[in-house]
Amino acid sequence: MHRHVATRRRRPDFTRLFLAQGLASLMVALLAGLRHGHEGVLSALLGGAVSLVPTFYFVWRGLRVRDGRRPRISVMNLYQAAMGKFGLTVALFVIVFVTVPPSNPAFFFVAYVAAQLMHWLTPWLLRDRPTHQT
């Protein structure tokens, strides 16, 4: 007699992705600071924030409900999260360029792109690491 044991999948931990995005933004900000002072740093930090905030939203909204028994709802959540992330990104670009125009748009966009490129590392950053027990 087999007992059906429900195995519950853990939610992925996105902490490493957020840290990678933040680190990429900070590295660009450091380079910007060396080249253009505090104005370059502010531009780079704004670019990183425009990338990072929508990513937080996507993870929060997209993974809020994961129900294996109702995959249609899970897929709809991901679509809604993606559309929300896109809208939030556009809104943040508009807000930044209207209220606090970056003094150096190049550093703004370099930091934004550097943080976005961290998504390519997501499979590596989210994989489970073996724990060594002594």
C-alpha atoms as a PDB file:
ATOM      1  CA  MET A   1       0.000   0.000   0.000  1.00  0.00           C
ATOM      2  CA  HIS A   2       1.442   3.316  -1.110  1.00  0.00           C
ATOM      3  CA  ARG A   3       0.760   6.440   0.774  1.00  0.00           C
ATOM      4  CA  HIS A   4       0.626   9.589  -1.250  1.00  0.00           C
ATOM      5  CA  VAL A   5       2.999  11.989   0.378  1.00  0.00           C
ATOM      6  CA  ALA A   6       2.528  15.522  -0.802  1.00  0.00           C
ATOM      7  CA  THR A   7       5.840  17.176  -1.301  1.00  0.00           C
ATOM      8  CA  ARG A   8       5.700  20.894  -1.048  1.00  0.00           C
ATOM      9  CA  ARG A   9       8.156  22.788  -3.185  1.00  0.00           C
ATOM     10  CA  ARG A  10       9.988  25.597  -1.516  1.00  0.00           C
ATOM     11  CA  ARG A  11       9.707  29.037  -2.945  1.00  0.00           C
ATOM     12  CA  PRO A  12      12.914  30.165  -4.562  1.00  0.00           C
ATOM     13  CA  ASP A  13      14.969  32.603  -2.544  1.00  0.00           C
ATOM     14  CA  PHE A  14      15.524  35.709  -4.640  1.00  0.00           C
ATOM     15  CA  THR A  15      17.833  37.340  -2.107  1.00  0.00           C
ATOM     16  CA  ARG A  16      20.941  36.567  -4.173  1.00  0.00           C
ATOM     17  CA  LEU A  17      19.374  38.078  -7.281  1.00  0.00           C
ATOM     18  CA  PHE A  18      18.505  41.269  -5.401  1.00  0.00           C
ATOM     19  CA  LEU A  19      22.012  41.395  -3.939  1.00  0.00           C
ATOM     20  CA  ALA A  20      23.571  40.886  -7.377  1.00  0.00           C
ATOM     21  CA  GLN A  21      21.471  43.704  -8.828  1.00  0.00           C
ATOM     22  CA  GLY A  22      22.336  45.974  -5.922  1.00  0.00           C
ATOM     23  CA  LEU A  23      26.029  45.117  -6.157  1.00  0.00           C
ATOM     24  CA  ALA A  24      26.087  45.791  -9.906  1.00  0.00           C
ATOM     25  CA  SER A  25      24.447  49.173  -9.298  1.00  0.00           C
ATOM     26  CA  LEU A  26      26.883  50.017  -6.502  1.00  0.00           C
ATOM     27  CA  MET A  27      29.877  49.094  -8.650  1.00  0.00           C
ATOM     28  CA  VAL A  28      28.674  51.443 -11.392  1.00  0.00           C
ATOM     29  CA  ALA A  29      27.998  54.104  -8.749  1.00  0.00           C
ATOM     30  CA  LEU A  30      31.555  53.709  -7.444  1.00  0.00           C
ATOM     31  CA  LEU A  31      32.989  54.146 -10.934  1.00  0.00           C
ATOM     32  CA  ALA A  32      30.670  57.089 -11.524  1.00  0.00           C
ATOM     33  CA  GLY A  33      31.826  58.659  -8.273  1.00  0.00           C
ATOM     34  CA  LEU A  34      35.458  58.338  -9.275  1.00  0.00           C
ATOM     35  CA  ARG A  35      34.792  59.946 -12.661  1.00  0.00           C
ATOM     36  CA  HIS A  36      32.070  62.522 -11.922  1.00  0.00           C
ATOM     37  CA  GLY A  37      31.667  62.882  -8.162  1.00  0.00           C
ATOM     38  CA  HIS A  38      28.411  62.773  -6.255  1.00  0.00           C
ATOM     39  CA  GLU A  39      26.302  63.708  -9.298  1.00  0.00           C
ATOM     40  CA  GLY A  40      27.527  60.617 -11.135  1.00  0.00           C
ATOM     41  CA  VAL A  41      26.840  58.489  -8.060  1.00  0.00           C
ATOM     42  CA  LEU A  42      23.274  59.791  -7.833  1.00  0.00           C
ATOM     43  CA  SER A  43      22.677  59.088 -11.521  1.00  0.00           C
ATOM     44  CA  ALA A  44      23.940  55.507 -11.175  1.00  0.00           C
ATOM     45  CA  LEU A  45      21.954  54.849  -8.004  1.00  0.00           C
ATOM     46  CA  LEU A  46      18.785  56.111  -9.667  1.00  0.00           C
ATOM     47  CA  GLY A  47      19.415  53.793 -12.618  1.00  0.00           C
ATOM     48  CA  GLY A  48      19.897  50.850 -10.286  1.00  0.00           C
ATOM     49  CA  ALA A  49      16.725  51.710  -8.367  1.00  0.00           C
ATOM     50  CA  VAL A  50      14.690  51.889 -11.580  1.00  0.00           C
ATOM     51  CA  SER A  51      15.792  48.317 -12.230  1.00  0.00           C
ATOM     52  CA  LEU A  52      15.565  46.943  -8.710  1.00  0.00           C
ATOM     53  CA  VAL A  53      12.166  48.265  -7.583  1.00  0.00           C
ATOM     54  CA  PRO A  54      10.216  46.636 -10.458  1.00  0.00           C
ATOM     55  CA  THR A  55      12.069  43.373  -9.818  1.00  0.00           C
ATOM     56  CA  PHE A  56      10.910  43.444  -6.184  1.00  0.00           C
ATOM     57  CA  TYR A  57       7.365  44.044  -7.404  1.00  0.00           C
ATOM     58  CA  PHE A  58       7.532  41.185  -9.911  1.00  0.00           C
ATOM     59  CA  VAL A  59       8.757  38.694  -7.334  1.00  0.00           C
ATOM     60  CA  TRP A  60       6.198  39.828  -4.750  1.00  0.00           C
ATOM     61  CA  ARG A  61       3.256  39.859  -7.163  1.00  0.00           C
ATOM     62  CA  GLY A  62       4.217  36.970  -9.416  1.00  0.00           C
ATOM     63  CA  LEU A  63       4.937  34.464  -6.696  1.00  0.00           C
ATOM     64  CA  ARG A  64       2.220  35.505  -4.300  1.00  0.00           C
ATOM     65  CA  VAL A  65       0.027  32.532  -5.206  1.00  0.00           C
ATOM     66  CA  ARG A  66       1.583  29.374  -6.588  1.00  0.00           C
ATOM     67  CA  ASP A  67      -0.997  26.657  -6.716  1.00  0.00           C
ATOM     68  CA  GLY A  68      -0.014  23.518  -8.606  1.00  0.00           C
ATOM     69  CA  ARG A  69      -3.625  22.412  -8.700  1.00  0.00           C
ATOM     70  CA  ARG A  70      -4.678  25.572 -10.520  1.00  0.00           C
ATOM     71  CA  PRO A  71      -1.907  26.360 -13.015  1.00  0.00           C
ATOM     72  CA  ARG A  72      -4.071  28.841 -14.918  1.00  0.00           C
ATOM     73  CA  ILE A  73      -4.178  31.119 -11.865  1.00  0.00           C
ATOM     74  CA  SER A  74      -0.408  30.855 -11.423  1.00  0.00           C
ATOM     75  CA  VAL A  75       0.170  31.739 -15.075  1.00  0.00           C
ATOM     76  CA  MET A  76      -2.224  34.687 -14.857  1.00  0.00           C
ATOM     77  CA  ASN A  77      -0.356  35.913 -11.767  1.00  0.00           C
ATOM     78  CA  LEU A  78       2.911  35.828 -13.702  1.00  0.00           C
ATOM     79  CA  TYR A  79       1.401  37.704 -16.655  1.00  0.00           C
ATOM     80  CA  GLN A  80      -0.078  40.338 -14.349  1.00  0.00           C
ATOM     81  CA  ALA A  81       3.241  40.643 -12.513  1.00  0.00           C
ATOM     82  CA  ALA A  82       5.114  41.080 -15.800  1.00  0.00           C
ATOM     83  CA  MET A  83       2.704  43.763 -16.992  1.00  0.00           C
ATOM     84  CA  GLY A  84       2.904  45.503 -13.619  1.00  0.00           C
ATOM     85  CA  LYS A  85       6.698  45.372 -13.724  1.00  0.00           C
ATOM     86  CA  PHE A  86       6.705  46.902 -17.192  1.00  0.00           C
ATOM     87  CA  GLY A  87       4.292  49.662 -16.154  1.00  0.00           C
ATOM     88  CA  LEU A  88       6.239  50.377 -12.991  1.00  0.00           C
ATOM     89  CA  THR A  89       9.493  50.563 -14.963  1.00  0.00           C
ATOM     90  CA  VAL A  90       8.003  53.070 -17.406  1.00  0.00           C
ATOM     91  CA  ALA A  91       6.544  55.107 -14.531  1.00  0.00           C
ATOM     92  CA  LEU A  92       9.875  55.165 -12.698  1.00  0.00           C
ATOM     93  CA  PHE A  93      11.719  56.303 -15.829  1.00  0.00           C
ATOM     94  CA  VAL A  94       9.223  59.134 -16.252  1.00  0.00           C
ATOM     95  CA  ILE A  95       9.374  60.110 -12.580  1.00  0.00           C
ATOM     96  CA  VAL A  96      13.179  60.160 -12.548  1.00  0.00           C
ATOM     97  CA  PHE A  97      13.553  62.147 -15.754  1.00  0.00           C
ATOM     98  CA  VAL A  98      10.842  64.647 -14.802  1.00  0.00           C
ATOM     99  CA  THR A  99      11.616  65.202 -11.113  1.00  0.00           C
ATOM    100  CA  VAL A 100      15.356  64.517 -10.797  1.00  0.00           C
ATOM    101  CA  PRO A 101      16.925  64.455 -14.244  1.00  0.00           C
ATOM    102  CA  PRO A 102      20.180  62.511 -13.984  1.00  0.00           C
ATOM    103  CA  SER A 103      23.164  64.797 -14.355  1.00  0.00           C
ATOM    104  CA  ASN A 104      24.877  62.005 -16.244  1.00  0.00           C
ATOM    105  CA  PRO A 105      22.385  59.884 -18.203  1.00  0.00           C
ATOM    106  CA  ALA A 106      25.182  57.557 -19.329  1.00  0.00           C
ATOM    107  CA  PHE A 107      25.796  56.373 -15.761  1.00  0.00           C
ATOM    108  CA  PHE A 108      22.042  56.138 -15.180  1.00  0.00           C
ATOM    109  CA  PHE A 109      21.603  53.801 -18.139  1.00  0.00           C
ATOM    110  CA  VAL A 110      24.799  51.820 -17.491  1.00  0.00           C
ATOM    111  CA  ALA A 111      23.654  51.081 -13.923  1.00  0.00           C
ATOM    112  CA  TYR A 112      20.161  50.200 -15.151  1.00  0.00           C
ATOM    113  CA  VAL A 113      21.526  47.808 -17.776  1.00  0.00           C
ATOM    114  CA  ALA A 114      24.095  46.310 -15.371  1.00  0.00           C
ATOM    115  CA  ALA A 115      21.336  45.535 -12.864  1.00  0.00           C
ATOM    116  CA  GLN A 116      19.115  44.113 -15.618  1.00  0.00           C
ATOM    117  CA  LEU A 117      21.917  41.861 -16.820  1.00  0.00           C
ATOM    118  CA  MET A 118      21.936  40.174 -13.429  1.00  0.00           C
ATOM    119  CA  HIS A 119      18.715  38.454 -14.539  1.00  0.00           C
ATOM    120  CA  TRP A 120      20.872  36.322 -16.822  1.00  0.00           C
ATOM    121  CA  LEU A 121      22.451  34.886 -13.696  1.00  0.00           C
ATOM    122  CA  THR A 122      19.093  33.988 -12.156  1.00  0.00           C
ATOM    123  CA  PRO A 123      19.339  30.214 -12.788  1.00  0.00           C
ATOM    124  CA  TRP A 124      22.724  30.160 -11.097  1.00  0.00           C
ATOM    125  CA  LEU A 125      21.746  32.533  -8.291  1.00  0.00           C
ATOM    126  CA  LEU A 126      18.539  30.654  -7.427  1.00  0.00           C
ATOM    127  CA  ARG A 127      19.849  27.119  -7.445  1.00  0.00           C
ATOM    128  CA  ASP A 128      20.044  25.385  -4.119  1.00  0.00           C
ATOM    129  CA  ARG A 129      23.474  25.269  -2.611  1.00  0.00           C
ATOM    130  CA  PRO A 130      24.533  22.124  -0.802  1.00  0.00           C
ATOM    131  CA  THR A 131      24.848  22.626   2.927  1.00  0.00           C
ATOM    132  CA  HIS A 132      27.785  21.066   4.654  1.00  0.00           C
ATOM    133  CA  GLN A 133      26.928  19.559   7.981  1.00  0.00           C
ATOM    134  CA  THR A 134      29.626  18.659  10.439  1.00  0.00           C
END
